[in-house]
Amino acid sequence: MNKKKDRLVIVSLVAILAILLLLELVFITPEGHVIWHTLPFSHAVMGILFSVIFILVAKPLLNKILMRSEHYYKDKGGK
């Protein structure tokens, strides 16, 4: 993609996120059994936080499982 299209995608996603956060602030009444469920935007913050943690944990783990050495096929007796 070119830079103009990338910027459009990012601006669109940020605008959608802002609209959803405003709708949550206006229409959802915070009810919860623990204190962080009553804070505004707590579900959005937890979602982003756990998504980042998942990516940071999964990337090195899957990298070790799926990646092969640079000479993987040569070591097997190939050409």
PDB file of N, CA and C in Angstrom:
ATOM      1  N   MET A   1       0.844  -1.190   0.000  1.00  0.00           N
ATOM      2  CA  MET A   1       0.000   0.000   0.000  1.00  0.00           C
ATOM      3  C   MET A   1       0.888   1.252   0.000  1.00  0.00           C
ATOM      4  N   ASN A   2       0.326   2.305  -0.494  1.00  0.00           N
ATOM      5  CA  ASN A   2       1.077   3.550  -0.474  1.00  0.00           C
ATOM      6  C   ASN A   2       0.792   4.306   0.824  1.00  0.00           C
ATOM      7  N   LYS A   3       1.555   5.351   1.050  1.00  0.00           N
ATOM      8  CA  LYS A   3       1.457   6.090   2.315  1.00  0.00           C
ATOM      9  C   LYS A   3       0.098   6.749   2.499  1.00  0.00           C
ATOM     10  N   LYS A   4      -0.487   7.213   1.414  1.00  0.00           N
ATOM     11  CA  LYS A   4      -1.783   7.883   1.510  1.00  0.00           C
ATOM     12  C   LYS A   4      -2.867   6.902   1.956  1.00  0.00           C
ATOM     13  N   LYS A   5      -2.832   5.702   1.405  1.00  0.00           N
ATOM     14  CA  LYS A   5      -3.817   4.689   1.757  1.00  0.00           C
ATOM     15  C   LYS A   5      -3.589   4.197   3.196  1.00  0.00           C
ATOM     16  N   ASP A   6      -2.318   4.048   3.586  1.00  0.00           N
ATOM     17  CA  ASP A   6      -2.005   3.643   4.962  1.00  0.00           C
ATOM     18  C   ASP A   6      -2.542   4.664   5.962  1.00  0.00           C
ATOM     19  N   ARG A   7      -2.328   5.917   5.656  1.00  0.00           N
ATOM     20  CA  ARG A   7      -2.806   6.982   6.553  1.00  0.00           C
ATOM     21  C   ARG A   7      -4.332   6.972   6.650  1.00  0.00           C
ATOM     22  N   LEU A   8      -4.996   6.739   5.537  1.00  0.00           N
ATOM     23  CA  LEU A   8      -6.457   6.687   5.521  1.00  0.00           C
ATOM     24  C   LEU A   8      -6.968   5.541   6.394  1.00  0.00           C
ATOM     25  N   VAL A   9      -6.316   4.385   6.304  1.00  0.00           N
ATOM     26  CA  VAL A   9      -6.723   3.231   7.108  1.00  0.00           C
ATOM     27  C   VAL A   9      -6.535   3.529   8.595  1.00  0.00           C
ATOM     28  N   ILE A  10      -5.398   4.104   8.961  1.00  0.00           N
ATOM     29  CA  ILE A  10      -5.128   4.408  10.364  1.00  0.00           C
ATOM     30  C   ILE A  10      -6.105   5.450  10.896  1.00  0.00           C
ATOM     31  N   VAL A  11      -6.350   6.498  10.135  1.00  0.00           N
ATOM     32  CA  VAL A  11      -7.284   7.542  10.563  1.00  0.00           C
ATOM     33  C   VAL A  11      -8.693   6.964  10.704  1.00  0.00           C
ATOM     34  N   SER A  12      -9.083   6.100   9.786  1.00  0.00           N
ATOM     35  CA  SER A  12     -10.412   5.479   9.861  1.00  0.00           C
ATOM     36  C   SER A  12     -10.540   4.604  11.111  1.00  0.00           C
ATOM     37  N   LEU A  13      -9.527   3.809  11.404  1.00  0.00           N
ATOM     38  CA  LEU A  13      -9.574   2.954  12.590  1.00  0.00           C
ATOM     39  C   LEU A  13      -9.610   3.774  13.880  1.00  0.00           C
ATOM     40  N   VAL A  14      -8.837   4.839  13.939  1.00  0.00           N
ATOM     41  CA  VAL A  14      -8.841   5.702  15.124  1.00  0.00           C
ATOM     42  C   VAL A  14     -10.197   6.385  15.274  1.00  0.00           C
ATOM     43  N   ALA A  15     -10.810   6.798  14.167  1.00  0.00           N
ATOM     44  CA  ALA A  15     -12.128   7.438  14.229  1.00  0.00           C
ATOM     45  C   ALA A  15     -13.186   6.448  14.715  1.00  0.00           C
ATOM     46  N   ILE A  16     -13.143   5.220  14.221  1.00  0.00           N
ATOM     47  CA  ILE A  16     -14.093   4.203  14.679  1.00  0.00           C
ATOM     48  C   ILE A  16     -13.901   3.921  16.155  1.00  0.00           C
ATOM     49  N   LEU A  17     -12.649   3.814  16.599  1.00  0.00           N
ATOM     50  CA  LEU A  17     -12.362   3.587  18.014  1.00  0.00           C
ATOM     51  C   LEU A  17     -12.896   4.733  18.871  1.00  0.00           C
ATOM     52  N   ALA A  18     -12.687   5.961  18.434  1.00  0.00           N
ATOM     53  CA  ALA A  18     -13.172   7.120  19.190  1.00  0.00           C
ATOM     54  C   ALA A  18     -14.689   7.124  19.289  1.00  0.00           C
ATOM     55  N   ILE A  19     -15.364   6.801  18.198  1.00  0.00           N
ATOM     56  CA  ILE A  19     -16.836   6.747  18.215  1.00  0.00           C
ATOM     57  C   ILE A  19     -17.322   5.665  19.169  1.00  0.00           C
ATOM     58  N   LEU A  20     -16.690   4.488  19.124  1.00  0.00           N
ATOM     59  CA  LEU A  20     -17.100   3.399  20.015  1.00  0.00           C
ATOM     60  C   LEU A  20     -16.850   3.746  21.485  1.00  0.00           C
ATOM     61  N   LEU A  21     -15.734   4.420  21.767  1.00  0.00           N
ATOM     62  CA  LEU A  21     -15.460   4.821  23.147  1.00  0.00           C
ATOM     63  C   LEU A  21     -16.470   5.857  23.632  1.00  0.00           C
ATOM     64  N   LEU A  22     -16.853   6.782  22.764  1.00  0.00           N
ATOM     65  CA  LEU A  22     -17.873   7.768  23.143  1.00  0.00           C
ATOM     66  C   LEU A  22     -19.224   7.098  23.373  1.00  0.00           C
ATOM     67  N   LEU A  23     -19.571   6.136  22.531  1.00  0.00           N
ATOM     68  CA  LEU A  23     -20.828   5.413  22.727  1.00  0.00           C
ATOM     69  C   LEU A  23     -20.812   4.624  24.035  1.00  0.00           C
ATOM     70  N   GLU A  24     -19.667   4.047  24.369  1.00  0.00           N
ATOM     71  CA  GLU A  24     -19.564   3.330  25.639  1.00  0.00           C
ATOM     72  C   GLU A  24     -19.737   4.286  26.816  1.00  0.00           C
ATOM     73  N   LEU A  25     -19.146   5.455  26.715  1.00  0.00           N
ATOM     74  CA  LEU A  25     -19.232   6.434  27.796  1.00  0.00           C
ATOM     75  C   LEU A  25     -20.665   6.929  27.987  1.00  0.00           C
ATOM     76  N   VAL A  26     -21.414   7.080  26.889  1.00  0.00           N
ATOM     77  CA  VAL A  26     -22.762   7.628  26.959  1.00  0.00           C
ATOM     78  C   VAL A  26     -23.800   6.581  27.333  1.00  0.00           C
ATOM     79  N   PHE A  27     -23.741   5.398  26.724  1.00  0.00           N
ATOM     80  CA  PHE A  27     -24.839   4.452  26.846  1.00  0.00           C
ATOM     81  C   PHE A  27     -24.634   3.316  27.845  1.00  0.00           C
ATOM     82  N   ILE A  28     -23.419   2.967  28.167  1.00  0.00           N
ATOM     83  CA  ILE A  28     -23.194   1.812  29.040  1.00  0.00           C
ATOM     84  C   ILE A  28     -23.008   2.284  30.466  1.00  0.00           C
ATOM     85  N   THR A  29     -23.824   1.744  31.347  1.00  0.00           N
ATOM     86  CA  THR A  29     -23.691   2.073  32.766  1.00  0.00           C
ATOM     87  C   THR A  29     -22.722   1.087  33.398  1.00  0.00           C
ATOM     88  N   PRO A  30     -21.692   1.587  34.055  1.00  0.00           N
ATOM     89  CA  PRO A  30     -20.700   0.690  34.629  1.00  0.00           C
ATOM     90  C   PRO A  30     -21.241  -0.056  35.848  1.00  0.00           C
ATOM     91  N   GLU A  31     -21.338  -1.341  35.715  1.00  0.00           N
ATOM     92  CA  GLU A  31     -21.733  -2.197  36.827  1.00  0.00           C
ATOM     93  C   GLU A  31     -20.734  -3.335  36.884  1.00  0.00           C
ATOM     94  N   GLY A  32     -20.239  -3.617  38.053  1.00  0.00           N
ATOM     95  CA  GLY A  32     -19.274  -4.697  38.146  1.00  0.00           C
ATOM     96  C   GLY A  32     -19.054  -5.113  39.577  1.00  0.00           C
ATOM     97  N   HIS A  33     -18.464  -6.284  39.707  1.00  0.00           N
ATOM     98  CA  HIS A  33     -18.169  -6.810  41.029  1.00  0.00           C
ATOM     99  C   HIS A  33     -16.801  -6.366  41.529  1.00  0.00           C
ATOM    100  N   VAL A  34     -15.968  -5.922  40.616  1.00  0.00           N
ATOM    101  CA  VAL A  34     -14.633  -5.437  40.981  1.00  0.00           C
ATOM    102  C   VAL A  34     -14.491  -3.999  40.501  1.00  0.00           C
ATOM    103  N   ILE A  35     -13.555  -3.272  41.100  1.00  0.00           N
ATOM    104  CA  ILE A  35     -13.450  -1.831  40.883  1.00  0.00           C
ATOM    105  C   ILE A  35     -13.105  -1.471  39.436  1.00  0.00           C
ATOM    106  N   TRP A  36     -12.266  -2.283  38.758  1.00  0.00           N
ATOM    107  CA  TRP A  36     -11.856  -1.903  37.411  1.00  0.00           C
ATOM    108  C   TRP A  36     -12.972  -2.067  36.381  1.00  0.00           C
ATOM    109  N   HIS A  37     -14.009  -2.802  36.709  1.00  0.00           N
ATOM    110  CA  HIS A  37     -15.145  -2.910  35.784  1.00  0.00           C
ATOM    111  C   HIS A  37     -16.027  -1.666  35.836  1.00  0.00           C
ATOM    112  N   THR A  38     -15.903  -0.885  36.874  1.00  0.00           N
ATOM    113  CA  THR A  38     -16.712   0.328  36.989  1.00  0.00           C
ATOM    114  C   THR A  38     -16.022   1.545  36.374  1.00  0.00           C
ATOM    115  N   LEU A  39     -14.771   1.432  36.018  1.00  0.00           N
ATOM    116  CA  LEU A  39     -14.040   2.548  35.420  1.00  0.00           C
ATOM    117  C   LEU A  39     -14.433   2.700  33.949  1.00  0.00           C
ATOM    118  N   PRO A  40     -14.533   3.934  33.466  1.00  0.00           N
ATOM    119  CA  PRO A  40     -14.853   4.110  32.043  1.00  0.00           C
ATOM    120  C   PRO A  40     -13.713   3.605  31.166  1.00  0.00           C
ATOM    121  N   PHE A  41     -14.056   2.990  30.062  1.00  0.00           N
ATOM    122  CA  PHE A  41     -13.123   2.457  29.063  1.00  0.00           C
ATOM    123  C   PHE A  41     -12.272   1.302  29.583  1.00  0.00           C
ATOM    124  N   SER A  42     -12.654   0.697  30.694  1.00  0.00           N
ATOM    125  CA  SER A  42     -11.826  -0.382  31.243  1.00  0.00           C
ATOM    126  C   SER A  42     -11.785  -1.592  30.315  1.00  0.00           C
ATOM    127  N   HIS A  43     -12.887  -1.896  29.640  1.00  0.00           N
ATOM    128  CA  HIS A  43     -12.899  -3.044  28.738  1.00  0.00           C
ATOM    129  C   HIS A  43     -12.013  -2.794  27.517  1.00  0.00           C
ATOM    130  N   ALA A  44     -12.003  -1.578  27.017  1.00  0.00           N
ATOM    131  CA  ALA A  44     -11.151  -1.253  25.867  1.00  0.00           C
ATOM    132  C   ALA A  44      -9.681  -1.310  26.254  1.00  0.00           C
ATOM    133  N   VAL A  45      -9.346  -0.768  27.414  1.00  0.00           N
ATOM    134  CA  VAL A  45      -7.958  -0.782  27.870  1.00  0.00           C
ATOM    135  C   VAL A  45      -7.492  -2.215  28.109  1.00  0.00           C
ATOM    136  N   MET A  46      -8.315  -3.025  28.758  1.00  0.00           N
ATOM    137  CA  MET A  46      -7.940  -4.419  28.994  1.00  0.00           C
ATOM    138  C   MET A  46      -7.813  -5.187  27.682  1.00  0.00           C
ATOM    139  N   GLY A  47      -8.682  -4.927  26.720  1.00  0.00           N
ATOM    140  CA  GLY A  47      -8.605  -5.603  25.427  1.00  0.00           C
ATOM    141  C   GLY A  47      -7.324  -5.282  24.692  1.00  0.00           C
ATOM    142  N   ILE A  48      -6.957  -4.012  24.656  1.00  0.00           N
ATOM    143  CA  ILE A  48      -5.720  -3.613  23.991  1.00  0.00           C
ATOM    144  C   ILE A  48      -4.508  -4.169  24.735  1.00  0.00           C
ATOM    145  N   LEU A  49      -4.530  -4.086  26.055  1.00  0.00           N
ATOM    146  CA  LEU A  49      -3.411  -4.573  26.858  1.00  0.00           C
ATOM    147  C   LEU A  49      -3.184  -6.073  26.658  1.00  0.00           C
ATOM    148  N   PHE A  50      -4.241  -6.855  26.727  1.00  0.00           N
ATOM    149  CA  PHE A  50      -4.085  -8.301  26.573  1.00  0.00           C
ATOM    150  C   PHE A  50      -3.759  -8.693  25.133  1.00  0.00           C
ATOM    151  N   SER A  51      -4.201  -7.916  24.160  1.00  0.00           N
ATOM    152  CA  SER A  51      -3.823  -8.179  22.776  1.00  0.00           C
ATOM    153  C   SER A  51      -2.324  -7.975  22.574  1.00  0.00           C
ATOM    154  N   VAL A  52      -1.802  -6.906  23.129  1.00  0.00           N
ATOM    155  CA  VAL A  52      -0.363  -6.638  23.025  1.00  0.00           C
ATOM    156  C   VAL A  52       0.432  -7.720  23.748  1.00  0.00           C
ATOM    157  N   ILE A  53      -0.008  -8.116  24.945  1.00  0.00           N
ATOM    158  CA  ILE A  53       0.675  -9.176  25.684  1.00  0.00           C
ATOM    159  C   ILE A  53       0.645 -10.484  24.893  1.00  0.00           C
ATOM    160  N   PHE A  54      -0.491 -10.806  24.305  1.00  0.00           N
ATOM    161  CA  PHE A  54      -0.613 -12.031  23.511  1.00  0.00           C
ATOM    162  C   PHE A  54       0.365 -12.027  22.342  1.00  0.00           C
ATOM    163  N   ILE A  55       0.473 -10.908  21.650  1.00  0.00           N
ATOM    164  CA  ILE A  55       1.385 -10.810  20.507  1.00  0.00           C
ATOM    165  C   ILE A  55       2.827 -10.934  20.974  1.00  0.00           C
ATOM    166  N   LEU A  56       3.181 -10.254  22.071  1.00  0.00           N
ATOM    167  CA  LEU A  56       4.553 -10.299  22.557  1.00  0.00           C
ATOM    168  C   LEU A  56       4.955 -11.683  23.050  1.00  0.00           C
ATOM    169  N   VAL A  57       4.003 -12.454  23.554  1.00  0.00           N
ATOM    170  CA  VAL A  57       4.305 -13.807  24.016  1.00  0.00           C
ATOM    171  C   VAL A  57       4.276 -14.798  22.853  1.00  0.00           C
ATOM    172  N   ALA A  58       3.319 -14.671  21.967  1.00  0.00           N
ATOM    173  CA  ALA A  58       3.137 -15.641  20.894  1.00  0.00           C
ATOM    174  C   ALA A  58       4.225 -15.550  19.830  1.00  0.00           C
ATOM    175  N   LYS A  59       4.688 -14.356  19.528  1.00  0.00           N
ATOM    176  CA  LYS A  59       5.655 -14.203  18.446  1.00  0.00           C
ATOM    177  C   LYS A  59       6.950 -14.973  18.711  1.00  0.00           C
ATOM    178  N   PRO A  60       7.631 -14.795  19.838  1.00  0.00           N
ATOM    179  CA  PRO A  60       8.863 -15.571  20.034  1.00  0.00           C
ATOM    180  C   PRO A  60       8.604 -17.063  20.201  1.00  0.00           C
ATOM    181  N   LEU A  61       7.495 -17.409  20.825  1.00  0.00           N
ATOM    182  CA  LEU A  61       7.176 -18.818  21.030  1.00  0.00           C
ATOM    183  C   LEU A  61       6.947 -19.527  19.702  1.00  0.00           C
ATOM    184  N   LEU A  62       6.111 -18.962  18.860  1.00  0.00           N
ATOM    185  CA  LEU A  62       5.836 -19.566  17.558  1.00  0.00           C
ATOM    186  C   LEU A  62       7.034 -19.471  16.627  1.00  0.00           C
ATOM    187  N   ASN A  63       7.848 -18.444  16.808  1.00  0.00           N
ATOM    188  CA  ASN A  63       9.052 -18.311  16.006  1.00  0.00           C
ATOM    189  C   ASN A  63       9.984 -19.496  16.246  1.00  0.00           C
ATOM    190  N   LYS A  64      10.130 -19.918  17.494  1.00  0.00           N
ATOM    191  CA  LYS A  64      10.985 -21.059  17.823  1.00  0.00           C
ATOM    192  C   LYS A  64      10.391 -22.363  17.309  1.00  0.00           C
ATOM    193  N   ILE A  65       9.074 -22.480  17.318  1.00  0.00           N
ATOM    194  CA  ILE A  65       8.421 -23.715  16.884  1.00  0.00           C
ATOM    195  C   ILE A  65       8.425 -23.838  15.361  1.00  0.00           C
ATOM    196  N   LEU A  66       8.128 -22.760  14.643  1.00  0.00           N
ATOM    197  CA  LEU A  66       7.903 -22.833  13.209  1.00  0.00           C
ATOM    198  C   LEU A  66       9.125 -22.541  12.343  1.00  0.00           C
ATOM    199  N   MET A  67      10.044 -21.732  12.825  1.00  0.00           N
ATOM    200  CA  MET A  67      11.183 -21.331  12.003  1.00  0.00           C
ATOM    201  C   MET A  67      12.167 -22.485  11.839  1.00  0.00           C
ATOM    202  N   ARG A  68      12.717 -22.600  10.655  1.00  0.00           N
ATOM    203  CA  ARG A  68      13.751 -23.584  10.347  1.00  0.00           C
ATOM    204  C   ARG A  68      15.062 -22.841  10.138  1.00  0.00           C
ATOM    205  N   SER A  69      16.156 -23.574  10.264  1.00  0.00           N
ATOM    206  CA  SER A  69      17.448 -22.937  10.039  1.00  0.00           C
ATOM    207  C   SER A  69      17.583 -22.563   8.566  1.00  0.00           C
ATOM    208  N   GLU A  70      18.538 -21.716   8.296  1.00  0.00           N
ATOM    209  CA  GLU A  70      18.732 -21.240   6.936  1.00  0.00           C
ATOM    210  C   GLU A  70      19.137 -22.376   5.994  1.00  0.00           C
ATOM    211  N   HIS A  71      19.815 -23.375   6.512  1.00  0.00           N
ATOM    212  CA  HIS A  71      20.305 -24.488   5.704  1.00  0.00           C
ATOM    213  C   HIS A  71      19.494 -25.760   5.973  1.00  0.00           C
ATOM    214  N   TYR A  72      18.225 -25.610   6.243  1.00  0.00           N
ATOM    215  CA  TYR A  72      17.378 -26.750   6.617  1.00  0.00           C
ATOM    216  C   TYR A  72      17.332 -27.813   5.522  1.00  0.00           C
ATOM    217  N   TYR A  73      17.134 -27.428   4.286  1.00  0.00           N
ATOM    218  CA  TYR A  73      17.018 -28.402   3.203  1.00  0.00           C
ATOM    219  C   TYR A  73      18.369 -28.958   2.773  1.00  0.00           C
ATOM    220  N   LYS A  74      19.422 -28.175   2.904  1.00  0.00           N
ATOM    221  CA  LYS A  74      20.753 -28.671   2.568  1.00  0.00           C
ATOM    222  C   LYS A  74      21.208 -29.723   3.587  1.00  0.00           C
ATOM    223  N   ASP A  75      20.831 -29.556   4.835  1.00  0.00           N
ATOM    224  CA  ASP A  75      21.204 -30.511   5.880  1.00  0.00           C
ATOM    225  C   ASP A  75      20.516 -31.861   5.695  1.00  0.00           C
ATOM    226  N   LYS A  76      19.422 -31.902   4.968  1.00  0.00           N
ATOM    227  CA  LYS A  76      18.671 -33.132   4.771  1.00  0.00           C
ATOM    228  C   LYS A  76      19.192 -33.952   3.587  1.00  0.00           C
ATOM    229  N   GLY A  77      20.302 -33.574   3.018  1.00  0.00           N
ATOM    230  CA  GLY A  77      20.854 -34.323   1.908  1.00  0.00           C
ATOM    231  C   GLY A  77      20.351 -33.851   0.563  1.00  0.00           C
ATOM    232  N   GLY A  78      19.765 -32.658   0.542  1.00  0.00           N
ATOM    233  CA  GLY A  78      19.252 -32.126  -0.720  1.00  0.00           C
ATOM    234  C   GLY A  78      20.386 -31.616  -1.583  1.00  0.00           C
ATOM    235  N   LYS A  79      20.061 -30.998  -2.684  1.00  0.00           N
ATOM    236  CA  LYS A  79      21.063 -30.508  -3.642  1.00  0.00           C
ATOM    237  C   LYS A  79      21.835 -29.342  -3.133  1.00  0.00           C
TER     238      LYS A  79
END
